[in-house]
Amino acid sequence: MKQVAFTQMKDGTTEDYQFLQSLEHDYIRGLPDRLLRALEGLGDSLQGYQISRLEHSLQSATRAEADGADLETVVAALVHDIGDALAPENHSQMAAAILRPYVRAEVTWVIEMHGLFQMKYYAHHYGNNPDGYLAYKDHPWFNSCARFCELYDQAAFDPAYPTKPLSYFEPMLREVFSRKPFDPTVLKALAHLQPCAEMA
């Protein structure tokens, strides 16, 4: 079989769907390759900064690793802006959705909220409220997100910082995105980083 025969999903047979499932498994295994290509595409993304979006992503991941962050946090730092091209108004949510099946819930939440928390540093320059993130001050992962933004995101625009290349992070990305999706032991894992209250 090279293609299914149906033109409406409700008419598909068990054989059709088993065939499609086998193709889907192969496609899912290619996710790390597609993510790497998407990251490379950030090299020609939003202009105006001293470094490209790809270099910012690599620097964020480099800073996270240098700070002693765990594997999931380093990979999250690497892909946190991967949604910029297709979801410029909600890139945080897009990146979080990509990560969600493969990392603990805390990391997903940090990436989902980092766009809001990041506004602390610049929103006032546009006449917007920089304090929206404070609505989450009692959230158990508030400090994790504040730390991520302070140390790994807002600080990662320095062309002089010794940033590691994408090839260095490739094995880490492949490890995380080759995991069994939605594994409860992964999603419910506890944080590996100490809270940082002073970031609040």
Protein backbone atom coordinates (compact mmCIF):
# COMPACT_ATOMS: atom_id res chain seq x y z
CA MET A 1 0.00 0.00 0.00
CA LYS A 2 1.31 3.42 -0.97
CA GLN A 3 -1.77 5.46 -0.11
CA VAL A 4 -5.08 4.92 1.62
CA ALA A 5 -8.19 4.61 -0.52
CA PHE A 6 -10.54 6.77 1.55
CA THR A 7 -11.40 10.40 0.93
CA GLN A 8 -13.16 10.84 4.28
CA MET A 9 -11.65 9.67 7.53
CA LYS A 10 -14.84 7.92 8.59
CA ASP A 11 -14.47 5.53 5.64
CA GLY A 12 -10.98 4.33 6.55
CA THR A 13 -10.34 0.68 7.34
CA THR A 14 -8.19 -0.84 10.07
CA GLU A 15 -5.62 -1.66 7.39
CA ASP A 16 -5.62 1.97 6.27
CA TYR A 17 -5.01 3.27 9.76
CA GLN A 18 -2.34 0.74 10.61
CA PHE A 19 -0.55 1.78 7.42
CA LEU A 20 -0.84 5.46 8.35
CA GLN A 21 0.34 4.76 11.89
CA SER A 22 3.52 3.13 10.61
CA LEU A 23 4.23 6.19 8.47
CA GLU A 24 3.46 8.51 11.38
CA HIS A 25 5.93 6.70 13.63
CA ASP A 26 8.66 7.25 11.05
CA TYR A 27 7.66 10.90 10.70
CA ILE A 28 7.74 11.48 14.46
CA ARG A 29 11.23 9.99 14.64
CA GLY A 30 12.30 12.77 12.29
CA LEU A 31 11.22 15.50 14.72
CA PRO A 32 14.75 16.30 15.98
CA ASP A 33 15.91 16.87 12.39
CA ARG A 34 13.01 19.24 11.70
CA LEU A 35 13.66 21.14 14.92
CA LEU A 36 17.32 21.56 14.03
CA ARG A 37 16.33 22.95 10.62
CA ALA A 38 13.85 25.31 12.28
CA LEU A 39 16.56 26.55 14.62
CA GLU A 40 18.90 27.13 11.69
CA GLY A 41 16.11 29.18 10.12
CA LEU A 42 16.26 31.57 13.06
CA GLY A 43 19.55 32.76 11.67
CA ASP A 44 17.52 34.79 9.17
CA SER A 45 14.74 35.82 11.53
CA LEU A 46 13.92 39.13 13.23
CA GLN A 47 16.54 41.78 12.51
CA GLY A 48 17.80 44.77 14.51
CA TYR A 49 19.58 43.04 17.38
CA GLN A 50 23.36 42.71 17.54
CA ILE A 51 23.01 38.94 17.10
CA SER A 52 20.58 36.74 15.18
CA ARG A 53 17.69 34.87 16.75
CA LEU A 54 19.66 31.66 16.29
CA GLU A 55 22.67 33.13 18.10
CA HIS A 56 20.35 34.35 20.85
CA SER A 57 18.92 30.84 21.22
CA LEU A 58 22.38 29.29 21.31
CA GLN A 59 23.57 31.87 23.81
CA SER A 60 20.53 31.25 26.03
CA ALA A 61 21.30 27.52 26.04
CA THR A 62 25.01 28.17 26.64
CA ARG A 63 24.21 30.41 29.60
CA ALA A 64 21.78 27.85 31.01
CA GLU A 65 24.37 25.09 30.83
CA ALA A 66 27.06 27.31 32.36
CA ASP A 67 24.68 28.04 35.23
CA GLY A 68 24.30 24.32 35.94
CA ALA A 69 20.82 23.92 34.49
CA ASP A 70 19.60 20.40 33.82
CA LEU A 71 19.25 18.90 30.33
CA GLU A 72 15.57 19.81 29.91
CA THR A 73 16.16 23.44 30.83
CA VAL A 74 19.14 23.73 28.48
CA VAL A 75 17.12 22.31 25.58
CA ALA A 76 14.18 24.53 26.49
CA ALA A 77 16.49 27.54 26.39
CA LEU A 78 17.67 26.41 22.97
CA VAL A 79 14.15 26.20 21.50
CA HIS A 80 12.35 28.89 23.52
CA ASP A 81 12.06 31.26 20.54
CA ILE A 82 11.50 28.64 17.86
CA GLY A 83 7.96 29.93 17.33
CA ASP A 84 9.08 33.43 16.33
CA ALA A 85 8.65 32.88 12.60
CA LEU A 86 5.15 31.35 12.60
CA ALA A 87 3.70 32.69 15.86
CA PRO A 88 5.28 36.10 16.50
CA GLU A 89 2.41 37.17 18.78
CA ASN A 90 2.42 33.98 20.85
CA HIS A 91 5.79 32.38 20.25
CA SER A 92 6.08 31.33 23.89
CA GLN A 93 2.96 29.17 23.68
CA MET A 94 4.12 27.57 20.44
CA ALA A 95 7.50 26.63 21.88
CA ALA A 96 5.82 25.27 25.02
CA ALA A 97 3.48 23.14 22.92
CA ILE A 98 6.45 21.62 21.10
CA LEU A 99 8.22 20.84 24.38
CA ARG A 100 5.18 19.66 26.37
CA PRO A 101 5.26 15.92 25.49
CA TYR A 102 8.96 15.57 26.33
CA VAL A 103 9.83 17.60 29.44
CA ARG A 104 8.57 18.04 32.98
CA ALA A 105 5.57 20.31 33.46
CA GLU A 106 7.62 23.01 35.16
CA VAL A 107 9.79 23.51 32.08
CA THR A 108 6.76 23.69 29.83
CA TRP A 109 5.19 26.33 32.08
CA VAL A 110 8.37 28.41 32.16
CA ILE A 111 8.59 28.46 28.37
CA GLU A 112 4.88 29.14 27.97
CA MET A 113 5.12 32.14 30.31
CA HIS A 114 8.54 33.52 29.40
CA GLY A 115 7.12 36.04 26.91
CA LEU A 116 5.00 37.64 29.62
CA PHE A 117 7.78 37.56 32.23
CA GLN A 118 10.25 38.99 29.73
CA MET A 119 8.09 42.10 29.32
CA LYS A 120 9.43 43.20 32.71
CA TYR A 121 12.53 44.43 30.92
CA TYR A 122 11.08 46.45 28.05
CA ALA A 123 7.28 46.85 27.99
CA HIS A 124 7.42 50.30 29.59
CA HIS A 125 9.38 51.59 26.60
CA TYR A 126 6.29 50.90 24.47
CA GLY A 127 3.88 52.38 27.00
CA ASN A 128 2.73 48.91 28.08
CA ASN A 129 2.49 47.33 31.50
CA PRO A 130 5.75 45.60 32.48
CA ASP A 131 4.25 44.02 35.59
CA GLY A 132 1.74 41.59 34.09
CA TYR A 133 3.90 38.68 35.21
CA LEU A 134 3.21 39.58 38.84
CA ALA A 135 -0.26 38.08 38.46
CA TYR A 136 1.57 34.77 38.86
CA LYS A 137 3.64 35.73 41.91
CA ASP A 138 2.07 32.96 43.99
CA HIS A 139 2.55 30.28 41.34
CA PRO A 140 4.95 27.53 42.46
CA TRP A 141 7.09 28.01 39.32
CA PHE A 142 7.15 31.82 39.38
CA ASN A 143 10.78 31.93 40.49
CA SER A 144 11.82 29.36 37.88
CA CYS A 145 10.45 31.54 35.10
CA ALA A 146 11.91 34.71 36.59
CA ARG A 147 15.29 33.00 36.79
CA PHE A 148 15.05 31.74 33.22
CA CYS A 149 14.31 35.22 31.91
CA GLU A 150 16.89 37.02 34.02
CA LEU A 151 19.83 34.70 33.52
CA TYR A 152 19.23 32.91 30.21
CA ASP A 153 16.92 35.03 28.04
CA GLN A 154 17.17 38.78 28.54
CA ALA A 155 20.94 38.52 29.05
CA ALA A 156 21.58 36.57 25.85
CA PHE A 157 22.09 39.32 23.27
CA ASP A 158 25.85 39.77 23.66
CA PRO A 159 27.92 39.25 20.49
CA ALA A 160 31.06 38.89 22.64
CA TYR A 161 29.72 36.05 24.79
CA PRO A 162 31.49 32.70 24.11
CA THR A 163 28.47 30.91 22.69
CA LYS A 164 28.54 27.22 21.79
CA PRO A 165 27.43 26.14 18.28
CA LEU A 166 24.27 24.28 17.37
CA SER A 167 26.29 21.11 16.79
CA TYR A 168 27.21 21.12 20.48
CA PHE A 169 23.57 21.10 21.54
CA GLU A 170 22.35 18.71 18.86
CA PRO A 171 22.86 15.52 20.96
CA MET A 172 20.96 17.13 23.86
CA LEU A 173 18.07 18.10 21.61
CA ARG A 174 17.96 14.62 20.10
CA GLU A 175 17.94 13.02 23.53
CA VAL A 176 14.99 15.07 24.77
CA PHE A 177 12.91 14.87 21.61
CA SER A 178 13.48 11.14 21.17
CA ARG A 179 11.82 10.35 24.50
CA LYS A 180 8.54 8.53 24.77
CA PRO A 181 5.96 11.34 24.53
CA PHE A 182 3.87 12.17 27.58
CA ASP A 183 5.78 9.77 29.81
CA PRO A 184 4.29 10.40 33.30
CA THR A 185 7.65 9.86 34.96
CA VAL A 186 9.06 12.72 32.86
CA LEU A 187 6.10 15.09 33.04
CA LYS A 188 5.86 14.84 36.81
CA ALA A 189 9.57 14.97 37.56
CA LEU A 190 10.71 17.45 40.18
CA ALA A 191 12.88 20.43 39.37
CA HIS A 192 16.64 20.01 39.39
CA LEU A 193 17.33 23.70 40.00
CA GLN A 194 17.08 25.48 43.30
CA PRO A 195 14.49 28.27 43.47
CA CYS A 196 15.90 31.75 43.22
CA ALA A 197 13.70 34.03 45.30
CA GLU A 198 15.73 37.15 44.58
CA MET A 199 14.74 36.93 40.91
CA ALA A 200 11.14 37.77 41.87
